[in-house]
Amino acid sequence: MGDRILVTGGAGYVGSFSVDLLAKRGFEVVVYDNLSEGHREAVPDGVPLEVGDLADGARLTAVLEKFEPEFVMHFAASALVGESIENPLKYFENNIANGVNLVRAMLAAGVKSIVFSSSAATYGEPSEVPIPEDHPKAPVNPYGYTKLAFEQFLEYCGSAYGLSSVALRYFNASGAAGDLGEDHTPETHLIPNVLMAALGKIPRFSVMGKDYKTHDGTCVRDFIHVSDLADAHVRALDLLREGRSDRINLGNGKGFSVLDVIKVAEKVTGRDIPHEFAPRRPGDPAVLVASSKRAAEVLGWNPEYASIEEIVRSAWEWHSEHPQGYGSG
């Protein structure tokens, strides 16, 4: 068998895809998840699920001592921009304080390697697109700030305790594959909400803002297939085996606006997508597109699913087959 890996948030969206890939490649994996946003059904058969919260230091320590992992992949975080503005307390507690609990327990158990699921939201309003890793960091919402703060915390722990960390910064995880897909309650992400409108599950899709400085006035984002993200997380383990730390973007290198995605979804589904314009959502930069040049150089990573049509089609297939998400059937 391969290395032992503890995956926090492994029942969630990107976490579950990463767990599935790790298991298929022969790693020994255990999922640690409080199931507040994850799904038991998303954890592959044969992979142990330890239900627990990162705030529960005793439970976390017990799982680390029982499983003795060589690596940790950390996905367990709150990740909604709008909610972070309305409820910053939740984000500082979960994304920073609970992250500190995790690292404390890791160091106590002798685990000194972590892959951290970070975000392009650490950059804020970019002055250069696609965004390189050395771009100034000026997050415009609590979500992005907490991701950046935890990255910096990991760097300090590297200097003080010899902790190796690879932080992967990406933005819009999208798409589906096989039995795994995207199922959030409430759902705030663009592609699944557009597809819900196509399915008639919501009356219409709300486009948040039409006066941004973009080609059509709506926000532009970088969409990356979740399977590609999982692949990058597994590749990051090679850096940790060498005791290296890094901060790496994961992006397609090009962006698509909200209206672009609606047009693609109409083509893929063969249906009109009812939509309306609504006020801007606070904390949303106009354009976020991450350069993946460093990912190609350091990880040997390039997105396999680079086509927005391919990404939307994979999501459509899953949502069509799972109209109630993981509760379907």
C-alpha atoms as a PDB file:
ATOM      1  CA  MET A   1       0.000   0.000   0.000  1.00  0.00           C
ATOM      2  CA  GLY A   2       1.007   3.604  -0.430  1.00  0.00           C
ATOM      3  CA  ASP A   3       1.407   6.427   2.046  1.00  0.00           C
ATOM      4  CA  ARG A   4      -1.221   7.028   4.731  1.00  0.00           C
ATOM      5  CA  ILE A   5      -3.121  10.276   4.326  1.00  0.00           C
ATOM      6  CA  LEU A   6      -5.700  11.967   6.552  1.00  0.00           C
ATOM      7  CA  VAL A   7      -8.113  14.110   4.530  1.00  0.00           C
ATOM      8  CA  THR A   8     -10.070  16.728   6.448  1.00  0.00           C
ATOM      9  CA  GLY A   9     -13.287  17.676   4.694  1.00  0.00           C
ATOM     10  CA  GLY A  10     -12.950  14.539   2.587  1.00  0.00           C
ATOM     11  CA  ALA A  11     -16.729  14.114   2.345  1.00  0.00           C
ATOM     12  CA  GLY A  12     -17.054  17.511   0.670  1.00  0.00           C
ATOM     13  CA  TYR A  13     -16.840  18.447  -2.986  1.00  0.00           C
ATOM     14  CA  VAL A  14     -13.142  18.797  -3.869  1.00  0.00           C
ATOM     15  CA  GLY A  15     -12.163  16.644  -0.889  1.00  0.00           C
ATOM     16  CA  SER A  16     -14.234  13.658  -2.049  1.00  0.00           C
ATOM     17  CA  PHE A  17     -12.728  13.739  -5.544  1.00  0.00           C
ATOM     18  CA  SER A  18      -9.252  13.840  -4.024  1.00  0.00           C
ATOM     19  CA  VAL A  19     -10.054  10.950  -1.685  1.00  0.00           C
ATOM     20  CA  ASP A  20     -11.400   8.919  -4.605  1.00  0.00           C
ATOM     21  CA  LEU A  21      -8.239   9.523  -6.654  1.00  0.00           C
ATOM     22  CA  LEU A  22      -5.951   8.742  -3.714  1.00  0.00           C
ATOM     23  CA  ALA A  23      -7.770   5.457  -3.076  1.00  0.00           C
ATOM     24  CA  LYS A  24      -7.597   4.481  -6.755  1.00  0.00           C
ATOM     25  CA  ARG A  25      -3.852   5.129  -6.738  1.00  0.00           C
ATOM     26  CA  GLY A  26      -3.279   2.828  -3.788  1.00  0.00           C
ATOM     27  CA  PHE A  27      -2.899   5.294  -0.910  1.00  0.00           C
ATOM     28  CA  GLU A  28      -4.282   4.450   2.513  1.00  0.00           C
ATOM     29  CA  VAL A  29      -6.835   7.164   3.193  1.00  0.00           C
ATOM     30  CA  VAL A  30      -9.021   8.142   6.132  1.00  0.00           C
ATOM     31  CA  VAL A  31     -11.590  10.931   5.969  1.00  0.00           C
ATOM     32  CA  TYR A  32     -12.142  13.289   8.910  1.00  0.00           C
ATOM     33  CA  ASP A  33     -15.332  15.295   8.411  1.00  0.00           C
ATOM     34  CA  ASN A  34     -18.102  16.669  10.629  1.00  0.00           C
ATOM     35  CA  LEU A  35     -20.603  16.182   7.759  1.00  0.00           C
ATOM     36  CA  SER A  36     -21.955  19.722   8.207  1.00  0.00           C
ATOM     37  CA  GLU A  37     -21.500  20.216   4.463  1.00  0.00           C
ATOM     38  CA  GLY A  38     -20.122  16.874   3.305  1.00  0.00           C
ATOM     39  CA  HIS A  39     -21.963  13.677   2.444  1.00  0.00           C
ATOM     40  CA  ARG A  40     -21.373  10.112   3.608  1.00  0.00           C
ATOM     41  CA  GLU A  41     -22.354   8.982   0.114  1.00  0.00           C
ATOM     42  CA  ALA A  42     -19.403  10.917  -1.351  1.00  0.00           C
ATOM     43  CA  VAL A  43     -16.846   8.839   0.585  1.00  0.00           C
ATOM     44  CA  PRO A  44     -15.748   5.866  -1.555  1.00  0.00           C
ATOM     45  CA  ASP A  45     -16.463   2.338  -0.365  1.00  0.00           C
ATOM     46  CA  GLY A  46     -13.607   0.972   1.680  1.00  0.00           C
ATOM     47  CA  VAL A  47     -12.368   4.377   2.864  1.00  0.00           C
ATOM     48  CA  PRO A  48     -12.850   4.900   6.627  1.00  0.00           C
ATOM     49  CA  LEU A  49     -14.895   7.921   7.658  1.00  0.00           C
ATOM     50  CA  GLU A  50     -14.126   9.382  11.066  1.00  0.00           C
ATOM     51  CA  VAL A  51     -16.907  11.817  11.962  1.00  0.00           C
ATOM     52  CA  GLY A  52     -15.454  14.670  13.967  1.00  0.00           C
ATOM     53  CA  ASP A  53     -14.946  18.405  14.132  1.00  0.00           C
ATOM     54  CA  LEU A  54     -11.627  20.223  13.912  1.00  0.00           C
ATOM     55  CA  ALA A  55     -12.664  22.157  17.018  1.00  0.00           C
ATOM     56  CA  ASP A  56     -12.594  18.849  18.941  1.00  0.00           C
ATOM     57  CA  GLY A  57      -8.907  18.546  19.709  1.00  0.00           C
ATOM     58  CA  ALA A  58      -9.250  15.302  21.665  1.00  0.00           C
ATOM     59  CA  ARG A  59     -11.142  13.571  18.838  1.00  0.00           C
ATOM     60  CA  LEU A  60      -8.685  14.842  16.249  1.00  0.00           C
ATOM     61  CA  THR A  61      -5.710  13.697  18.309  1.00  0.00           C
ATOM     62  CA  ALA A  62      -7.248  10.242  18.789  1.00  0.00           C
ATOM     63  CA  VAL A  63      -7.754   9.807  15.041  1.00  0.00           C
ATOM     64  CA  LEU A  64      -4.187  10.922  14.263  1.00  0.00           C
ATOM     65  CA  GLU A  65      -2.772   8.533  16.877  1.00  0.00           C
ATOM     66  CA  LYS A  66      -4.930   5.680  15.585  1.00  0.00           C
ATOM     67  CA  PHE A  67      -4.197   6.150  11.898  1.00  0.00           C
ATOM     68  CA  GLU A  68      -0.613   7.511  12.037  1.00  0.00           C
ATOM     69  CA  PRO A  69      -0.689   9.340   8.679  1.00  0.00           C
ATOM     70  CA  GLU A  70       2.393  10.620   6.896  1.00  0.00           C
ATOM     71  CA  PHE A  71       0.445  13.459   5.249  1.00  0.00           C
ATOM     72  CA  VAL A  72      -2.643  15.582   5.792  1.00  0.00           C
ATOM     73  CA  MET A  73      -4.803  17.135   3.077  1.00  0.00           C
ATOM     74  CA  HIS A  74      -6.866  19.961   4.513  1.00  0.00           C
ATOM     75  CA  PHE A  75     -10.152  20.829   2.786  1.00  0.00           C
ATOM     76  CA  ALA A  76     -12.343  21.466   5.835  1.00  0.00           C
ATOM     77  CA  ALA A  77     -13.168  25.145   5.579  1.00  0.00           C
ATOM     78  CA  SER A  78     -16.064  27.527   5.129  1.00  0.00           C
ATOM     79  CA  ALA A  79     -15.980  28.867   1.586  1.00  0.00           C
ATOM     80  CA  LEU A  80     -18.807  31.285   0.762  1.00  0.00           C
ATOM     81  CA  VAL A  81     -17.812  34.864   0.008  1.00  0.00           C
ATOM     82  CA  GLY A  82     -21.197  36.401   0.832  1.00  0.00           C
ATOM     83  CA  GLU A  83     -21.587  34.451   4.057  1.00  0.00           C
ATOM     84  CA  SER A  84     -18.077  35.451   5.142  1.00  0.00           C
ATOM     85  CA  ILE A  85     -19.116  39.109   4.953  1.00  0.00           C
ATOM     86  CA  GLU A  86     -22.354  38.486   6.849  1.00  0.00           C
ATOM     87  CA  ASN A  87     -20.787  36.172   9.437  1.00  0.00           C
ATOM     88  CA  PRO A  88     -17.018  36.761   9.721  1.00  0.00           C
ATOM     89  CA  LEU A  89     -16.956  35.116  13.156  1.00  0.00           C
ATOM     90  CA  LYS A  90     -17.739  31.737  11.574  1.00  0.00           C
ATOM     91  CA  TYR A  91     -14.911  32.141   9.069  1.00  0.00           C
ATOM     92  CA  PHE A  92     -12.249  33.179  11.561  1.00  0.00           C
ATOM     93  CA  GLU A  93     -13.246  30.325  13.862  1.00  0.00           C
ATOM     94  CA  ASN A  94     -13.409  27.603  11.221  1.00  0.00           C
ATOM     95  CA  ASN A  95     -10.756  28.672   8.736  1.00  0.00           C
ATOM     96  CA  ILE A  96      -8.159  29.948  11.190  1.00  0.00           C
ATOM     97  CA  ALA A  97      -8.801  28.742  14.750  1.00  0.00           C
ATOM     98  CA  ASN A  98      -9.804  25.220  13.687  1.00  0.00           C
ATOM     99  CA  GLY A  99      -6.878  25.130  11.285  1.00  0.00           C
ATOM    100  CA  VAL A 100      -4.566  25.967  14.170  1.00  0.00           C
ATOM    101  CA  ASN A 101      -6.131  23.080  16.124  1.00  0.00           C
ATOM    102  CA  LEU A 102      -5.348  20.762  13.222  1.00  0.00           C
ATOM    103  CA  VAL A 103      -1.704  21.796  12.975  1.00  0.00           C
ATOM    104  CA  ARG A 104      -1.276  21.576  16.751  1.00  0.00           C
ATOM    105  CA  ALA A 105      -2.596  18.001  16.710  1.00  0.00           C
ATOM    106  CA  MET A 106      -0.475  17.143  13.666  1.00  0.00           C
ATOM    107  CA  LEU A 107       2.737  18.333  15.287  1.00  0.00           C
ATOM    108  CA  ALA A 108       1.908  16.501  18.506  1.00  0.00           C
ATOM    109  CA  ALA A 109       1.471  13.318  16.453  1.00  0.00           C
ATOM    110  CA  GLY A 110       4.696  13.902  14.535  1.00  0.00           C
ATOM    111  CA  VAL A 111       2.976  14.704  11.221  1.00  0.00           C
ATOM    112  CA  LYS A 112       4.854  17.485   9.444  1.00  0.00           C
ATOM    113  CA  SER A 113       3.449  17.542   5.908  1.00  0.00           C
ATOM    114  CA  ILE A 114       0.211  19.190   4.744  1.00  0.00           C
ATOM    115  CA  VAL A 115      -1.484  20.050   1.447  1.00  0.00           C
ATOM    116  CA  PHE A 116      -3.750  23.040   2.017  1.00  0.00           C
ATOM    117  CA  SER A 117      -6.745  23.825  -0.179  1.00  0.00           C
ATOM    118  CA  SER A 118      -6.383  27.594  -0.543  1.00  0.00           C
ATOM    119  CA  SER A 119      -7.992  30.099  -2.904  1.00  0.00           C
ATOM    120  CA  ALA A 120      -7.372  32.727  -5.559  1.00  0.00           C
ATOM    121  CA  ALA A 121      -9.501  34.929  -3.291  1.00  0.00           C
ATOM    122  CA  THR A 122      -6.252  35.635  -1.416  1.00  0.00           C
ATOM    123  CA  TYR A 123      -5.330  38.101  -4.189  1.00  0.00           C
ATOM    124  CA  GLY A 124      -8.341  40.421  -4.092  1.00  0.00           C
ATOM    125  CA  GLU A 125      -8.770  42.741  -7.092  1.00  0.00           C
ATOM    126  CA  PRO A 126      -5.951  41.713  -9.434  1.00  0.00           C
ATOM    127  CA  SER A 127      -3.798  44.243 -11.265  1.00  0.00           C
ATOM    128  CA  GLU A 128      -2.515  41.516 -13.586  1.00  0.00           C
ATOM    129  CA  VAL A 129      -4.440  38.699 -15.283  1.00  0.00           C
ATOM    130  CA  PRO A 130      -3.776  35.782 -15.317  1.00  0.00           C
ATOM    131  CA  ILE A 131      -2.628  36.201 -11.731  1.00  0.00           C
ATOM    132  CA  PRO A 132       0.912  34.971 -10.895  1.00  0.00           C
ATOM    133  CA  GLU A 133       1.786  33.653  -7.446  1.00  0.00           C
ATOM    134  CA  ASP A 134       3.877  36.699  -6.549  1.00  0.00           C
ATOM    135  CA  HIS A 135       0.984  39.080  -7.196  1.00  0.00           C
ATOM    136  CA  PRO A 136       0.292  41.338  -4.169  1.00  0.00           C
ATOM    137  CA  LYS A 137      -2.230  39.857  -1.729  1.00  0.00           C
ATOM    138  CA  ALA A 138      -5.112  42.152  -0.804  1.00  0.00           C
ATOM    139  CA  PRO A 139      -8.220  40.035  -0.169  1.00  0.00           C
ATOM    140  CA  VAL A 140     -11.508  41.945  -0.357  1.00  0.00           C
ATOM    141  CA  ASN A 141     -13.588  39.628   1.828  1.00  0.00           C
ATOM    142  CA  PRO A 142     -13.167  37.666   5.080  1.00  0.00           C
ATOM    143  CA  TYR A 143     -13.071  34.351   3.206  1.00  0.00           C
ATOM    144  CA  GLY A 144     -10.017  35.365   1.190  1.00  0.00           C
ATOM    145  CA  TYR A 145      -8.397  36.935   4.239  1.00  0.00           C
ATOM    146  CA  THR A 146      -8.741  33.775   6.330  1.00  0.00           C
ATOM    147  CA  LYS A 147      -7.242  31.651   3.551  1.00  0.00           C
ATOM    148  CA  LEU A 148      -4.281  34.013   3.286  1.00  0.00           C
ATOM    149  CA  ALA A 149      -3.843  34.180   7.057  1.00  0.00           C
ATOM    150  CA  PHE A 150      -3.723  30.387   7.308  1.00  0.00           C
ATOM    151  CA  GLU A 151      -1.178  30.221   4.486  1.00  0.00           C
ATOM    152  CA  GLN A 152       1.000  32.658   6.429  1.00  0.00           C
ATOM    153  CA  PHE A 153       0.500  30.650   9.618  1.00  0.00           C
ATOM    154  CA  LEU A 154       1.758  27.542   7.802  1.00  0.00           C
ATOM    155  CA  GLU A 155       4.867  29.448   6.712  1.00  0.00           C
ATOM    156  CA  TYR A 156       5.592  30.455  10.307  1.00  0.00           C
ATOM    157  CA  CYS A 157       5.136  26.833  11.391  1.00  0.00           C
ATOM    158  CA  GLY A 158       7.601  25.806   8.717  1.00  0.00           C
ATOM    159  CA  SER A 159      10.244  28.081  10.188  1.00  0.00           C
ATOM    160  CA  ALA A 160       9.472  27.200  13.796  1.00  0.00           C
ATOM    161  CA  TYR A 161       8.651  23.476  13.656  1.00  0.00           C
ATOM    162  CA  GLY A 162       9.851  22.170  10.304  1.00  0.00           C
ATOM    163  CA  LEU A 163       6.342  21.822   8.898  1.00  0.00           C
ATOM    164  CA  SER A 164       6.243  21.372   5.110  1.00  0.00           C
ATOM    165  CA  SER A 165       3.173  22.791   3.367  1.00  0.00           C
ATOM    166  CA  VAL A 166       1.898  23.156  -0.177  1.00  0.00           C
ATOM    167  CA  ALA A 167      -0.961  25.642  -0.562  1.00  0.00           C
ATOM    168  CA  LEU A 168      -2.949  25.321  -3.784  1.00  0.00           C
ATOM    169  CA  ARG A 169      -4.812  28.476  -4.808  1.00  0.00           C
ATOM    170  CA  TYR A 170      -7.764  27.970  -7.108  1.00  0.00           C
ATOM    171  CA  PHE A 171     -11.128  29.518  -7.606  1.00  0.00           C
ATOM    172  CA  ASN A 172     -14.211  27.921  -9.166  1.00  0.00           C
ATOM    173  CA  ALA A 173     -14.095  24.156  -8.716  1.00  0.00           C
ATOM    174  CA  SER A 174     -16.622  22.797 -11.190  1.00  0.00           C
ATOM    175  CA  GLY A 175     -17.907  19.707 -12.933  1.00  0.00           C
ATOM    176  CA  ALA A 176     -18.586  16.115 -11.952  1.00  0.00           C
ATOM    177  CA  ALA A 177     -17.520  12.573 -12.787  1.00  0.00           C
ATOM    178  CA  GLY A 178     -19.164   9.196 -12.253  1.00  0.00           C
ATOM    179  CA  ASP A 179     -21.064   9.057  -8.973  1.00  0.00           C
ATOM    180  CA  LEU A 180     -19.379  12.175  -7.565  1.00  0.00           C
ATOM    181  CA  GLY A 181     -20.718  15.682  -8.038  1.00  0.00           C
ATOM    182  CA  GLU A 182     -21.494  19.008  -6.413  1.00  0.00           C
ATOM    183  CA  ASP A 183     -24.217  19.098  -3.761  1.00  0.00           C
ATOM    184  CA  HIS A 184     -24.379  22.062  -1.377  1.00  0.00           C
ATOM    185  CA  THR A 185     -27.214  23.351   0.790  1.00  0.00           C
ATOM    186  CA  PRO A 186     -27.736  26.163   0.101  1.00  0.00           C
ATOM    187  CA  GLU A 187     -26.148  26.083  -3.339  1.00  0.00           C
ATOM    188  CA  THR A 188     -24.344  29.322  -4.161  1.00  0.00           C
ATOM    189  CA  HIS A 189     -21.999  28.256  -6.963  1.00  0.00           C
ATOM    190  CA  LEU A 190     -22.604  29.467 -10.481  1.00  0.00           C
ATOM    191  CA  ILE A 191     -22.726  26.339 -12.647  1.00  0.00           C
ATOM    192  CA  PRO A 192     -24.987  24.190 -10.437  1.00  0.00           C
ATOM    193  CA  ASN A 193     -27.386  27.109  -9.943  1.00  0.00           C
ATOM    194  CA  VAL A 194     -27.559  27.737 -13.675  1.00  0.00           C
ATOM    195  CA  LEU A 195     -28.302  24.042 -14.173  1.00  0.00           C
ATOM    196  CA  MET A 196     -30.964  24.127 -11.456  1.00  0.00           C
ATOM    197  CA  ALA A 197     -32.694  26.827 -13.492  1.00  0.00           C
ATOM    198  CA  ALA A 198     -32.453  24.574 -16.546  1.00  0.00           C
ATOM    199  CA  LEU A 199     -34.011  21.712 -14.568  1.00  0.00           C
ATOM    200  CA  GLY A 200     -36.795  23.951 -13.260  1.00  0.00           C
ATOM    201  CA  LYS A 201     -35.679  23.477  -9.655  1.00  0.00           C
ATOM    202  CA  ILE A 202     -35.453  27.255  -9.259  1.00  0.00           C
ATOM    203  CA  PRO A 203     -37.620  29.715 -11.226  1.00  0.00           C
ATOM    204  CA  ARG A 204     -34.664  31.706 -12.567  1.00  0.00           C
ATOM    205  CA  PHE A 205     -30.987  32.331 -12.033  1.00  0.00           C
ATOM    206  CA  SER A 206     -29.887  35.648 -10.512  1.00  0.00           C
ATOM    207  CA  VAL A 207     -26.914  37.346 -12.165  1.00  0.00           C
ATOM    208  CA  MET A 208     -25.262  39.366  -9.403  1.00  0.00           C
ATOM    209  CA  GLY A 209     -24.213  42.628 -11.034  1.00  0.00           C
ATOM    210  CA  LYS A 210     -24.036  43.796 -14.652  1.00  0.00           C
ATOM    211  CA  ASP A 211     -21.792  46.862 -14.344  1.00  0.00           C
ATOM    212  CA  TYR A 212     -18.366  45.290 -13.773  1.00  0.00           C
ATOM    213  CA  LYS A 213     -15.483  46.332 -16.014  1.00  0.00           C
ATOM    214  CA  THR A 214     -15.612  43.160 -18.108  1.00  0.00           C
ATOM    215  CA  HIS A 215     -16.570  42.414 -21.706  1.00  0.00           C
ATOM    216  CA  ASP A 216     -20.281  42.025 -20.837  1.00  0.00           C
ATOM    217  CA  GLY A 217     -20.517  43.685 -17.416  1.00  0.00           C
ATOM    218  CA  THR A 218     -20.721  40.438 -15.427  1.00  0.00           C
ATOM    219  CA  CYS A 219     -18.015  38.859 -13.253  1.00  0.00           C
ATOM    220  CA  VAL A 220     -15.329  36.786 -14.974  1.00  0.00           C
ATOM    221  CA  ARG A 221     -14.060  33.644 -13.293  1.00  0.00           C
ATOM    222  CA  ASP A 222     -11.653  30.783 -13.876  1.00  0.00           C
ATOM    223  CA  PHE A 223     -13.451  27.410 -13.867  1.00  0.00           C
ATOM    224  CA  ILE A 224     -11.420  24.284 -13.166  1.00  0.00           C
ATOM    225  CA  HIS A 225     -12.746  20.749 -13.332  1.00  0.00           C
ATOM    226  CA  VAL A 226     -12.741  19.168  -9.906  1.00  0.00           C
ATOM    227  CA  SER A 227     -10.946  16.066 -11.221  1.00  0.00           C
ATOM    228  CA  ASP A 228      -8.057  18.277 -12.326  1.00  0.00           C
ATOM    229  CA  LEU A 229      -7.940  19.829  -8.859  1.00  0.00           C
ATOM    230  CA  ALA A 230      -7.798  16.382  -7.265  1.00  0.00           C
ATOM    231  CA  ASP A 231      -4.907  15.445  -9.548  1.00  0.00           C
ATOM    232  CA  ALA A 232      -2.962  18.546  -8.481  1.00  0.00           C
ATOM    233  CA  HIS A 233      -3.469  17.753  -4.796  1.00  0.00           C
ATOM    234  CA  VAL A 234      -2.068  14.262  -5.286  1.00  0.00           C
ATOM    235  CA  ARG A 235       0.883  15.626  -7.266  1.00  0.00           C
ATOM    236  CA  ALA A 236       1.654  18.034  -4.406  1.00  0.00           C
ATOM    237  CA  LEU A 237       2.563  15.054  -2.228  1.00  0.00           C
ATOM    238  CA  ASP A 238       5.766  14.655  -4.256  1.00  0.00           C
ATOM    239  CA  LEU A 239       6.950  18.073  -3.068  1.00  0.00           C
ATOM    240  CA  LEU A 240       6.193  17.180   0.539  1.00  0.00           C
ATOM    241  CA  ARG A 241       8.157  13.931   0.264  1.00  0.00           C
ATOM    242  CA  GLU A 242      11.175  16.111  -0.542  1.00  0.00           C
ATOM    243  CA  GLY A 243      10.452  18.351   2.465  1.00  0.00           C
ATOM    244  CA  ARG A 244       9.561  21.262   0.188  1.00  0.00           C
ATOM    245  CA  SER A 245       6.946  23.960   0.730  1.00  0.00           C
ATOM    246  CA  ASP A 246       5.300  26.023  -1.983  1.00  0.00           C
ATOM    247  CA  ARG A 247       2.350  28.240  -2.934  1.00  0.00           C
ATOM    248  CA  ILE A 248       0.899  27.320  -6.317  1.00  0.00           C
ATOM    249  CA  ASN A 249      -2.005  28.562  -8.416  1.00  0.00           C
ATOM    250  CA  LEU A 250      -4.312  26.177 -10.237  1.00  0.00           C
ATOM    251  CA  GLY A 251      -6.111  27.758 -13.158  1.00  0.00           C
ATOM    252  CA  ASN A 252      -7.137  27.374 -16.765  1.00  0.00           C
ATOM    253  CA  GLY A 253      -5.471  30.671 -17.619  1.00  0.00           C
ATOM    254  CA  LYS A 254      -8.625  32.098 -19.138  1.00  0.00           C
ATOM    255  CA  GLY A 255     -11.882  33.334 -17.711  1.00  0.00           C
ATOM    256  CA  PHE A 256     -15.546  33.153 -18.550  1.00  0.00           C
ATOM    257  CA  SER A 257     -18.224  35.604 -17.503  1.00  0.00           C
ATOM    258  CA  VAL A 258     -21.506  34.702 -15.867  1.00  0.00           C
ATOM    259  CA  LEU A 259     -23.330  35.357 -19.141  1.00  0.00           C
ATOM    260  CA  ASP A 260     -20.765  33.241 -21.012  1.00  0.00           C
ATOM    261  CA  VAL A 261     -21.529  30.314 -18.712  1.00  0.00           C
ATOM    262  CA  ILE A 262     -25.288  30.755 -19.188  1.00  0.00           C
ATOM    263  CA  LYS A 263     -24.837  30.621 -22.979  1.00  0.00           C
ATOM    264  CA  VAL A 264     -22.707  27.478 -22.724  1.00  0.00           C
ATOM    265  CA  ALA A 265     -25.264  25.866 -20.409  1.00  0.00           C
ATOM    266  CA  GLU A 266     -28.060  26.636 -22.862  1.00  0.00           C
ATOM    267  CA  LYS A 267     -26.048  24.934 -25.607  1.00  0.00           C
ATOM    268  CA  VAL A 268     -25.230  21.888 -23.465  1.00  0.00           C
ATOM    269  CA  THR A 269     -28.739  21.388 -22.065  1.00  0.00           C
ATOM    270  CA  GLY A 270     -30.674  22.443 -25.147  1.00  0.00           C
ATOM    271  CA  ARG A 271     -32.848  24.563 -22.861  1.00  0.00           C
ATOM    272  CA  ASP A 272     -33.355  28.250 -22.243  1.00  0.00           C
ATOM    273  CA  ILE A 273     -31.930  29.355 -18.895  1.00  0.00           C
ATOM    274  CA  PRO A 274     -34.307  31.853 -17.282  1.00  0.00           C
ATOM    275  CA  HIS A 275     -32.262  34.555 -15.573  1.00  0.00           C
ATOM    276  CA  GLU A 276     -32.517  38.042 -14.169  1.00  0.00           C
ATOM    277  CA  PHE A 277     -30.082  40.718 -13.061  1.00  0.00           C
ATOM    278  CA  ALA A 278     -29.668  41.507  -9.376  1.00  0.00           C
ATOM    279  CA  PRO A 279     -27.421  43.910  -7.424  1.00  0.00           C
ATOM    280  CA  ARG A 280     -23.742  43.147  -7.031  1.00  0.00           C
ATOM    281  CA  ARG A 281     -22.787  40.720  -4.286  1.00  0.00           C
ATOM    282  CA  PRO A 282     -20.464  42.409  -1.770  1.00  0.00           C
ATOM    283  CA  GLY A 283     -16.863  41.213  -1.853  1.00  0.00           C
ATOM    284  CA  ASP A 284     -16.809  40.018  -5.477  1.00  0.00           C
ATOM    285  CA  PRO A 285     -13.785  41.100  -7.580  1.00  0.00           C
ATOM    286  CA  ALA A 286     -14.592  41.769 -11.249  1.00  0.00           C
ATOM    287  CA  VAL A 287     -12.061  39.289 -12.659  1.00  0.00           C
ATOM    288  CA  LEU A 288     -10.269  36.325 -11.100  1.00  0.00           C
ATOM    289  CA  VAL A 289      -8.200  34.163 -13.424  1.00  0.00           C
ATOM    290  CA  ALA A 290      -5.171  32.317 -12.078  1.00  0.00           C
ATOM    291  CA  SER A 291      -2.028  31.528 -14.047  1.00  0.00           C
ATOM    292  CA  SER A 292      -1.077  27.848 -13.893  1.00  0.00           C
ATOM    293  CA  LYS A 293       2.419  28.298 -15.343  1.00  0.00           C
ATOM    294  CA  ARG A 294       4.087  27.462 -12.042  1.00  0.00           C
ATOM    295  CA  ALA A 295       1.837  24.430 -11.549  1.00  0.00           C
ATOM    296  CA  ALA A 296       3.021  23.105 -14.904  1.00  0.00           C
ATOM    297  CA  GLU A 297       6.670  23.721 -14.011  1.00  0.00           C
ATOM    298  CA  VAL A 298       6.654  22.475 -10.402  1.00  0.00           C
ATOM    299  CA  LEU A 299       3.910  19.832 -10.381  1.00  0.00           C
ATOM    300  CA  GLY A 300       3.896  18.815 -14.032  1.00  0.00           C
ATOM    301  CA  TRP A 301       0.189  19.709 -13.918  1.00  0.00           C
ATOM    302  CA  ASN A 302      -1.963  20.911 -16.771  1.00  0.00           C
ATOM    303  CA  PRO A 303      -5.758  20.788 -16.726  1.00  0.00           C
ATOM    304  CA  GLU A 304      -7.104  17.849 -18.694  1.00  0.00           C
ATOM    305  CA  TYR A 305     -10.616  19.311 -18.816  1.00  0.00           C
ATOM    306  CA  ALA A 306      -9.857  22.815 -20.101  1.00  0.00           C
ATOM    307  CA  SER A 307     -13.057  23.325 -22.097  1.00  0.00           C
ATOM    308  CA  ILE A 308     -15.848  25.187 -20.291  1.00  0.00           C
ATOM    309  CA  GLU A 309     -18.346  23.218 -22.401  1.00  0.00           C
ATOM    310  CA  GLU A 310     -16.823  19.946 -21.200  1.00  0.00           C
ATOM    311  CA  ILE A 311     -16.963  21.113 -17.591  1.00  0.00           C
ATOM    312  CA  VAL A 312     -20.603  22.207 -17.833  1.00  0.00           C
ATOM    313  CA  ARG A 313     -21.577  18.997 -19.664  1.00  0.00           C
ATOM    314  CA  SER A 314     -20.108  16.817 -16.908  1.00  0.00           C
ATOM    315  CA  ALA A 315     -22.033  18.785 -14.289  1.00  0.00           C
ATOM    316  CA  TRP A 316     -25.241  18.577 -16.331  1.00  0.00           C
ATOM    317  CA  GLU A 317     -24.967  14.812 -16.605  1.00  0.00           C
ATOM    318  CA  TRP A 318     -24.558  14.451 -12.850  1.00  0.00           C
ATOM    319  CA  HIS A 319     -27.333  16.863 -11.889  1.00  0.00           C
ATOM    320  CA  SER A 320     -29.672  15.263 -14.425  1.00  0.00           C
ATOM    321  CA  GLU A 321     -29.025  11.850 -12.880  1.00  0.00           C
ATOM    322  CA  HIS A 322     -29.035  13.198  -9.285  1.00  0.00           C
ATOM    323  CA  PRO A 323     -31.823  15.824  -9.202  1.00  0.00           C
ATOM    324  CA  GLN A 324     -31.829  15.694  -5.400  1.00  0.00           C
ATOM    325  CA  GLY A 325     -28.038  15.589  -5.124  1.00  0.00           C
ATOM    326  CA  TYR A 326     -26.707  12.764  -2.984  1.00  0.00           C
ATOM    327  CA  GLY A 327     -30.219  12.317  -1.634  1.00  0.00           C
ATOM    328  CA  SER A 328     -31.403  11.059  -5.028  1.00  0.00           C
ATOM    329  CA  GLY A 329     -32.634   7.490  -4.744  1.00  0.00           C
END
